[in-house]
């Protein structure tokens, strides 16, 4: 059995990737919903607009350095 992902465009089922069957091949199609997409969480970008331009170029550069140096590290004693 082959499982493929696809979507319904309102009229027909459309595979999300190419499917290799001869044209006219009859198939039995069993449908089940894909995993639901969780709702977005967090702050909408429009709510952050008041903060645009409030950080100096130097502060932004320091933040980038701190991120590059500190992210990805694990403090094993911190758990």
N, C-alpha and C. Protein backbone atom coordinates (compact mmCIF):
# COMPACT_ATOMS: atom_id res chain seq x y z
N UNK A 1 0.86 -1.18 0.00
CA UNK A 1 0.00 0.00 0.00
C UNK A 1 0.89 1.24 0.00
N UNK A 2 0.48 2.27 -0.66
CA UNK A 2 1.21 3.52 -0.77
C UNK A 2 0.42 4.61 -0.06
N UNK A 3 1.10 5.41 0.74
CA UNK A 3 0.47 6.56 1.40
C UNK A 3 1.08 7.83 0.82
N UNK A 4 0.25 8.75 0.44
CA UNK A 4 0.72 10.04 -0.08
C UNK A 4 -0.03 11.16 0.63
N UNK A 5 0.60 12.30 0.69
CA UNK A 5 -0.07 13.48 1.24
C UNK A 5 -0.66 14.28 0.09
N UNK A 6 -1.76 14.93 0.38
CA UNK A 6 -2.42 15.74 -0.62
C UNK A 6 -3.37 16.70 0.04
N UNK A 7 -4.11 17.40 -0.79
CA UNK A 7 -5.11 18.33 -0.26
C UNK A 7 -6.32 18.35 -1.18
N UNK A 8 -7.41 18.84 -0.66
CA UNK A 8 -8.65 18.96 -1.41
C UNK A 8 -8.79 20.41 -1.82
N UNK A 9 -8.88 20.68 -3.12
CA UNK A 9 -8.95 22.06 -3.59
C UNK A 9 -10.37 22.60 -3.70
N UNK A 10 -11.32 21.86 -3.15
CA UNK A 10 -12.73 22.26 -3.22
C UNK A 10 -13.49 21.47 -4.26
N UNK A 11 -12.76 20.86 -5.21
CA UNK A 11 -13.40 20.04 -6.24
C UNK A 11 -12.75 18.67 -6.37
N UNK A 12 -11.44 18.62 -6.35
CA UNK A 12 -10.73 17.36 -6.54
C UNK A 12 -9.63 17.20 -5.50
N UNK A 13 -9.18 15.94 -5.32
CA UNK A 13 -8.04 15.66 -4.46
C UNK A 13 -6.77 15.87 -5.28
N UNK A 14 -5.80 16.60 -4.71
CA UNK A 14 -4.57 16.93 -5.42
C UNK A 14 -3.39 16.41 -4.60
N UNK A 15 -2.57 15.50 -5.19
CA UNK A 15 -1.40 15.03 -4.45
C UNK A 15 -0.39 16.16 -4.29
N UNK A 16 0.33 16.15 -3.15
CA UNK A 16 1.33 17.19 -2.89
C UNK A 16 2.66 16.89 -3.59
N UNK A 17 2.84 15.68 -4.09
CA UNK A 17 4.04 15.33 -4.82
C UNK A 17 3.64 14.45 -6.00
N UNK A 18 4.51 14.30 -7.00
CA UNK A 18 4.15 13.48 -8.15
C UNK A 18 3.82 12.05 -7.75
N UNK A 19 2.86 11.46 -8.45
CA UNK A 19 2.44 10.08 -8.21
C UNK A 19 2.65 9.32 -9.52
N UNK A 20 3.31 8.17 -9.44
CA UNK A 20 3.63 7.41 -10.64
C UNK A 20 2.66 6.24 -10.83
N UNK A 21 1.59 6.50 -11.55
CA UNK A 21 0.64 5.47 -11.94
C UNK A 21 0.34 5.70 -13.41
N UNK A 22 0.05 4.63 -14.14
CA UNK A 22 -0.35 4.84 -15.54
C UNK A 22 -1.64 5.64 -15.62
N UNK A 23 -1.74 6.46 -16.63
CA UNK A 23 -2.96 7.24 -16.84
C UNK A 23 -4.15 6.29 -16.96
N UNK A 24 -5.21 6.61 -16.27
CA UNK A 24 -6.42 5.78 -16.30
C UNK A 24 -6.41 4.64 -15.30
N UNK A 25 -5.33 4.48 -14.54
CA UNK A 25 -5.26 3.41 -13.54
C UNK A 25 -6.35 3.61 -12.51
N UNK A 26 -7.15 2.59 -12.29
CA UNK A 26 -8.19 2.67 -11.26
C UNK A 26 -7.55 2.40 -9.92
N UNK A 27 -7.97 3.14 -8.89
CA UNK A 27 -7.40 3.04 -7.56
C UNK A 27 -8.50 3.01 -6.52
N UNK A 28 -8.21 2.45 -5.39
CA UNK A 28 -9.07 2.56 -4.21
C UNK A 28 -8.39 3.60 -3.33
N UNK A 29 -9.13 4.62 -2.95
CA UNK A 29 -8.56 5.71 -2.16
C UNK A 29 -9.25 5.73 -0.80
N UNK A 30 -8.45 5.60 0.24
CA UNK A 30 -8.96 5.71 1.61
C UNK A 30 -8.44 7.02 2.16
N UNK A 31 -9.30 7.78 2.77
CA UNK A 31 -8.92 9.11 3.24
C UNK A 31 -8.92 9.20 4.76
N UNK A 32 -7.95 9.92 5.28
CA UNK A 32 -7.94 10.28 6.70
C UNK A 32 -7.28 11.65 6.79
N UNK A 33 -7.75 12.48 7.69
CA UNK A 33 -7.15 13.80 7.82
C UNK A 33 -5.70 13.70 8.26
N UNK A 34 -4.88 14.59 7.73
CA UNK A 34 -3.50 14.68 8.18
C UNK A 34 -3.50 15.30 9.57
N UNK A 35 -2.38 15.23 10.25
CA UNK A 35 -2.29 15.82 11.59
C UNK A 35 -2.70 17.29 11.52
N UNK A 36 -3.53 17.72 12.44
CA UNK A 36 -3.97 19.12 12.42
C UNK A 36 -2.79 20.06 12.66
N UNK A 37 -2.85 21.20 12.03
CA UNK A 37 -1.83 22.22 12.22
C UNK A 37 -2.16 22.98 13.50
N UNK A 38 -1.22 23.02 14.45
CA UNK A 38 -1.53 23.73 15.69
C UNK A 38 -1.67 25.23 15.41
N UNK A 39 -2.54 25.89 16.17
CA UNK A 39 -2.69 27.32 15.96
C UNK A 39 -1.40 28.05 16.32
N UNK A 40 -1.16 29.15 15.62
CA UNK A 40 0.02 29.95 15.90
C UNK A 40 -0.08 30.54 17.30
N UNK A 41 1.06 30.58 17.97
CA UNK A 41 1.10 31.18 19.29
C UNK A 41 2.12 32.30 19.27
N UNK A 42 2.00 33.21 20.20
CA UNK A 42 2.97 34.29 20.29
C UNK A 42 2.33 35.63 19.99
N UNK A 43 3.18 36.58 19.72
CA UNK A 43 2.74 37.96 19.50
C UNK A 43 2.67 38.23 18.01
N UNK A 44 1.56 38.77 17.53
CA UNK A 44 1.47 39.12 16.11
C UNK A 44 2.51 40.20 15.78
N UNK A 45 3.07 40.12 14.59
CA UNK A 45 4.08 41.08 14.17
C UNK A 45 3.59 42.52 14.25
N UNK A 46 2.32 42.75 13.95
CA UNK A 46 1.81 44.12 13.99
C UNK A 46 1.88 44.72 15.38
N UNK A 47 1.82 43.86 16.42
CA UNK A 47 1.90 44.37 17.79
C UNK A 47 3.32 44.83 18.13
N UNK A 48 4.30 44.40 17.33
CA UNK A 48 5.69 44.77 17.58
C UNK A 48 6.12 46.03 16.84
N UNK A 49 5.28 46.53 15.95
CA UNK A 49 5.63 47.72 15.16
C UNK A 49 6.04 48.93 16.00
N UNK A 50 5.44 49.16 17.17
CA UNK A 50 5.87 50.33 17.95
C UNK A 50 7.34 50.27 18.38
N UNK A 51 7.94 49.07 18.35
CA UNK A 51 9.32 48.93 18.79
C UNK A 51 10.34 49.10 17.66
N UNK A 52 9.85 49.23 16.43
CA UNK A 52 10.76 49.39 15.29
C UNK A 52 11.59 50.65 15.48
N UNK A 53 12.90 50.50 15.36
CA UNK A 53 13.80 51.65 15.44
C UNK A 53 14.19 52.06 16.85
N UNK A 54 13.76 51.30 17.87
CA UNK A 54 14.07 51.71 19.24
C UNK A 54 15.42 51.16 19.71
N UNK A 55 16.06 50.30 18.91
CA UNK A 55 17.36 49.74 19.27
C UNK A 55 18.42 50.38 18.38
N UNK A 56 19.50 50.80 18.98
CA UNK A 56 20.57 51.41 18.18
C UNK A 56 21.31 50.32 17.39
N UNK A 57 22.07 50.74 16.40
CA UNK A 57 22.85 49.80 15.59
C UNK A 57 23.86 49.06 16.47
N UNK A 58 24.44 49.77 17.43
CA UNK A 58 25.41 49.14 18.33
C UNK A 58 24.73 48.08 19.20
N UNK A 59 23.54 48.39 19.72
CA UNK A 59 22.80 47.42 20.53
C UNK A 59 22.43 46.19 19.71
N UNK A 60 22.02 46.43 18.47
CA UNK A 60 21.65 45.31 17.60
C UNK A 60 22.86 44.44 17.31
N UNK A 61 24.03 45.06 17.06
CA UNK A 61 25.25 44.30 16.79
C UNK A 61 25.65 43.48 18.02
N UNK A 62 25.52 44.07 19.20
CA UNK A 62 25.85 43.33 20.43
C UNK A 62 24.91 42.16 20.62
N UNK A 63 23.63 42.37 20.34
CA UNK A 63 22.65 41.29 20.48
C UNK A 63 23.00 40.15 19.52
N UNK A 64 23.37 40.46 18.29
CA UNK A 64 23.76 39.44 17.32
C UNK A 64 24.99 38.68 17.80
N UNK A 65 25.98 39.38 18.35
CA UNK A 65 27.17 38.70 18.89
C UNK A 65 26.79 37.76 20.03
N UNK A 66 25.94 38.25 20.95
CA UNK A 66 25.51 37.44 22.09
C UNK A 66 24.77 36.18 21.63
N UNK A 67 23.92 36.33 20.62
CA UNK A 67 23.18 35.18 20.09
C UNK A 67 24.14 34.18 19.48
N UNK A 68 25.06 34.66 18.65
CA UNK A 68 26.01 33.76 18.00
C UNK A 68 26.90 33.05 19.01
N UNK A 69 27.29 33.73 20.07
CA UNK A 69 28.18 33.14 21.06
C UNK A 69 27.44 32.24 22.05
N UNK A 70 26.21 32.58 22.40
CA UNK A 70 25.53 31.87 23.48
C UNK A 70 24.50 30.84 23.07
N UNK A 71 23.92 30.98 21.90
CA UNK A 71 22.87 30.03 21.51
C UNK A 71 23.48 28.70 21.13
N UNK A 72 22.78 27.66 21.45
CA UNK A 72 23.23 26.32 21.14
C UNK A 72 24.06 25.69 22.24
N UNK A 73 24.40 26.44 23.24
CA UNK A 73 25.14 25.88 24.37
C UNK A 73 24.17 25.27 25.36
N UNK A 74 24.60 24.21 25.99
CA UNK A 74 23.78 23.56 27.01
C UNK A 74 24.53 23.60 28.33
N UNK A 75 23.89 24.14 29.34
CA UNK A 75 24.47 24.14 30.68
C UNK A 75 23.93 22.88 31.37
N UNK A 76 24.76 21.84 31.37
CA UNK A 76 24.31 20.55 31.92
C UNK A 76 23.98 20.63 33.40
N UNK A 77 24.59 21.58 34.12
CA UNK A 77 24.29 21.74 35.54
C UNK A 77 23.02 22.57 35.76
N UNK A 78 22.55 23.19 34.69
CA UNK A 78 21.37 24.04 34.79
C UNK A 78 20.07 23.28 34.72
N UNK A 79 20.13 22.02 34.42
CA UNK A 79 18.91 21.22 34.29
C UNK A 79 18.54 20.72 35.63
